[in-house]
Amino acid sequence: MRYERKKDWVEISGAADRPMRELLLIDGESMDAAHNMAVEVTKDAHFEDRHGNEVDWRGNVFGLSVRQWNWWKAQVWAAAKDEKIDPEA
């Protein structure tokens, strides 16, 4: 599933197949665990900082704004729901 917001976009796959205990890590207290979970279910993405520079979403989650990080996490949850509804996705 591909989700877009302005210049940012993410392609997420396999979120619906993950156990809930794993997906819940994305909203947990550990930033490392949350970021790892987001990366595991994200096939590709593109994020830009406020100056138009591309952010390394795989290697530097702290380059993202809070708004971008929260949006990305929300898309993981949306994909988990959307993939279940549309098994062809």
C-alpha atoms as a PDB file:
ATOM      1  CA  MET A   1       0.000   0.000   0.000  1.00  0.00           C
ATOM      2  CA  ARG A   2       1.312   3.439  -0.874  1.00  0.00           C
ATOM      3  CA  TYR A   3       0.403   6.483   1.179  1.00  0.00           C
ATOM      4  CA  GLU A   4       1.278  10.052   0.228  1.00  0.00           C
ATOM      5  CA  ARG A   5       1.309  13.354   2.086  1.00  0.00           C
ATOM      6  CA  LYS A   6       2.695  16.394   0.286  1.00  0.00           C
ATOM      7  CA  LYS A   7       6.251  15.407  -0.762  1.00  0.00           C
ATOM      8  CA  ASP A   8       6.442  12.502   1.694  1.00  0.00           C
ATOM      9  CA  TRP A   9       5.313   8.990   0.824  1.00  0.00           C
ATOM     10  CA  VAL A  10       5.623   5.462   2.199  1.00  0.00           C
ATOM     11  CA  GLU A  11       5.044   2.004   0.727  1.00  0.00           C
ATOM     12  CA  ILE A  12       4.105  -0.500   3.396  1.00  0.00           C
ATOM     13  CA  SER A  13       3.714  -4.239   2.971  1.00  0.00           C
ATOM     14  CA  GLY A  14       3.151  -7.114   5.350  1.00  0.00           C
ATOM     15  CA  ALA A  15       1.871  -5.114   8.310  1.00  0.00           C
ATOM     16  CA  ALA A  16      -1.390  -7.084   8.451  1.00  0.00           C
ATOM     17  CA  ASP A  17       0.554 -10.335   8.749  1.00  0.00           C
ATOM     18  CA  ARG A  18       2.525  -9.236  11.806  1.00  0.00           C
ATOM     19  CA  PRO A  19       1.368 -10.262  15.281  1.00  0.00           C
ATOM     20  CA  MET A  20      -0.191  -7.438  17.291  1.00  0.00           C
ATOM     21  CA  ARG A  21       2.567  -7.700  19.927  1.00  0.00           C
ATOM     22  CA  GLU A  22       5.101  -6.795  17.229  1.00  0.00           C
ATOM     23  CA  LEU A  23       3.079  -3.952  15.709  1.00  0.00           C
ATOM     24  CA  LEU A  24       2.525  -2.483  19.167  1.00  0.00           C
ATOM     25  CA  LEU A  25       6.272  -1.833  19.340  1.00  0.00           C
ATOM     26  CA  ILE A  26       5.717   1.059  16.951  1.00  0.00           C
ATOM     27  CA  ASP A  27       3.891   2.942  19.714  1.00  0.00           C
ATOM     28  CA  GLY A  28       6.116   1.705  22.538  1.00  0.00           C
ATOM     29  CA  GLU A  29       8.589   3.506  24.722  1.00  0.00           C
ATOM     30  CA  SER A  30      11.737   2.445  22.866  1.00  0.00           C
ATOM     31  CA  MET A  31      12.469   4.617  19.842  1.00  0.00           C
ATOM     32  CA  ASP A  32      14.872   1.986  18.481  1.00  0.00           C
ATOM     33  CA  ALA A  33      12.231  -0.752  18.609  1.00  0.00           C
ATOM     34  CA  ALA A  34       9.573   1.535  17.118  1.00  0.00           C
ATOM     35  CA  HIS A  35      11.833   2.617  14.274  1.00  0.00           C
ATOM     36  CA  ASN A  36      12.954  -0.961  13.559  1.00  0.00           C
ATOM     37  CA  MET A  37       9.326  -2.097  13.318  1.00  0.00           C
ATOM     38  CA  ALA A  38       8.460   0.750  10.936  1.00  0.00           C
ATOM     39  CA  VAL A  39      11.461  -0.065   8.739  1.00  0.00           C
ATOM     40  CA  GLU A  40      10.624  -3.794   8.702  1.00  0.00           C
ATOM     41  CA  VAL A  41       7.191  -3.205   7.155  1.00  0.00           C
ATOM     42  CA  THR A  42       8.176  -0.282   4.907  1.00  0.00           C
ATOM     43  CA  LYS A  43       9.269  -1.318   1.422  1.00  0.00           C
ATOM     44  CA  ASP A  44      10.282   2.186   0.405  1.00  0.00           C
ATOM     45  CA  ALA A  45       9.697   5.773   1.431  1.00  0.00           C
ATOM     46  CA  HIS A  46      10.672   9.347   0.772  1.00  0.00           C
ATOM     47  CA  PHE A  47      10.805  12.100   3.367  1.00  0.00           C
ATOM     48  CA  GLU A  48      12.120  15.635   3.026  1.00  0.00           C
ATOM     49  CA  ASP A  49      13.099  17.992   5.820  1.00  0.00           C
ATOM     50  CA  ARG A  50      11.813  21.564   5.941  1.00  0.00           C
ATOM     51  CA  HIS A  51      14.688  22.686   3.708  1.00  0.00           C
ATOM     52  CA  GLY A  52      13.859  20.164   0.986  1.00  0.00           C
ATOM     53  CA  ASN A  53      16.702  17.774   1.821  1.00  0.00           C
ATOM     54  CA  GLU A  54      15.976  14.055   1.655  1.00  0.00           C
ATOM     55  CA  VAL A  55      15.941  12.353   5.065  1.00  0.00           C
ATOM     56  CA  ASP A  56      17.551   8.924   5.544  1.00  0.00           C
ATOM     57  CA  TRP A  57      14.451   7.255   6.971  1.00  0.00           C
ATOM     58  CA  ARG A  58      16.161   3.868   7.357  1.00  0.00           C
ATOM     59  CA  GLY A  59      19.257   5.069   9.162  1.00  0.00           C
ATOM     60  CA  ASN A  60      18.311   8.299  10.927  1.00  0.00           C
ATOM     61  CA  VAL A  61      14.801   8.471  12.311  1.00  0.00           C
ATOM     62  CA  PHE A  62      15.833  11.607  14.199  1.00  0.00           C
ATOM     63  CA  GLY A  63      16.116  13.444  10.880  1.00  0.00           C
ATOM     64  CA  LEU A  64      12.331  13.259  10.592  1.00  0.00           C
ATOM     65  CA  SER A  65      10.069  15.865  12.118  1.00  0.00           C
ATOM     66  CA  VAL A  66       7.662  14.758  14.840  1.00  0.00           C
ATOM     67  CA  ARG A  67       4.820  15.261  12.353  1.00  0.00           C
ATOM     68  CA  GLN A  68       6.530  12.982   9.792  1.00  0.00           C
ATOM     69  CA  TRP A  69       7.252  10.285  12.366  1.00  0.00           C
ATOM     70  CA  ASN A  70       3.681  10.308  13.673  1.00  0.00           C
ATOM     71  CA  TRP A  71       2.323  10.225  10.117  1.00  0.00           C
ATOM     72  CA  TRP A  72       4.569   7.268   9.189  1.00  0.00           C
ATOM     73  CA  LYS A  73       3.453   5.308  12.248  1.00  0.00           C
ATOM     74  CA  ALA A  74      -0.193   6.035  11.417  1.00  0.00           C
ATOM     75  CA  GLN A  75       0.352   4.700   7.902  1.00  0.00           C
ATOM     76  CA  VAL A  76       1.731   1.437   9.292  1.00  0.00           C
ATOM     77  CA  TRP A  77      -1.507   1.008  11.266  1.00  0.00           C
ATOM     78  CA  ALA A  78      -3.582   2.050   8.245  1.00  0.00           C
ATOM     79  CA  ALA A  79      -1.774  -0.494   6.077  1.00  0.00           C
ATOM     80  CA  ALA A  80      -2.394  -3.236   8.644  1.00  0.00           C
ATOM     81  CA  LYS A  81      -6.102  -2.470   8.396  1.00  0.00           C
ATOM     82  CA  ASP A  82      -6.183  -1.869   4.625  1.00  0.00           C
ATOM     83  CA  GLU A  83      -4.182  -5.005   3.806  1.00  0.00           C
ATOM     84  CA  LYS A  84      -6.607  -7.096   5.857  1.00  0.00           C
ATOM     85  CA  ILE A  85      -9.575  -5.572   4.050  1.00  0.00           C
ATOM     86  CA  ASP A  86      -7.929  -5.995   0.639  1.00  0.00           C
ATOM     87  CA  PRO A  87      -5.921  -9.249   0.707  1.00  0.00           C
ATOM     88  CA  GLU A  88      -4.718  -8.557  -2.845  1.00  0.00           C
ATOM     89  CA  ALA A  89      -2.701  -5.545  -1.611  1.00  0.00           C
END
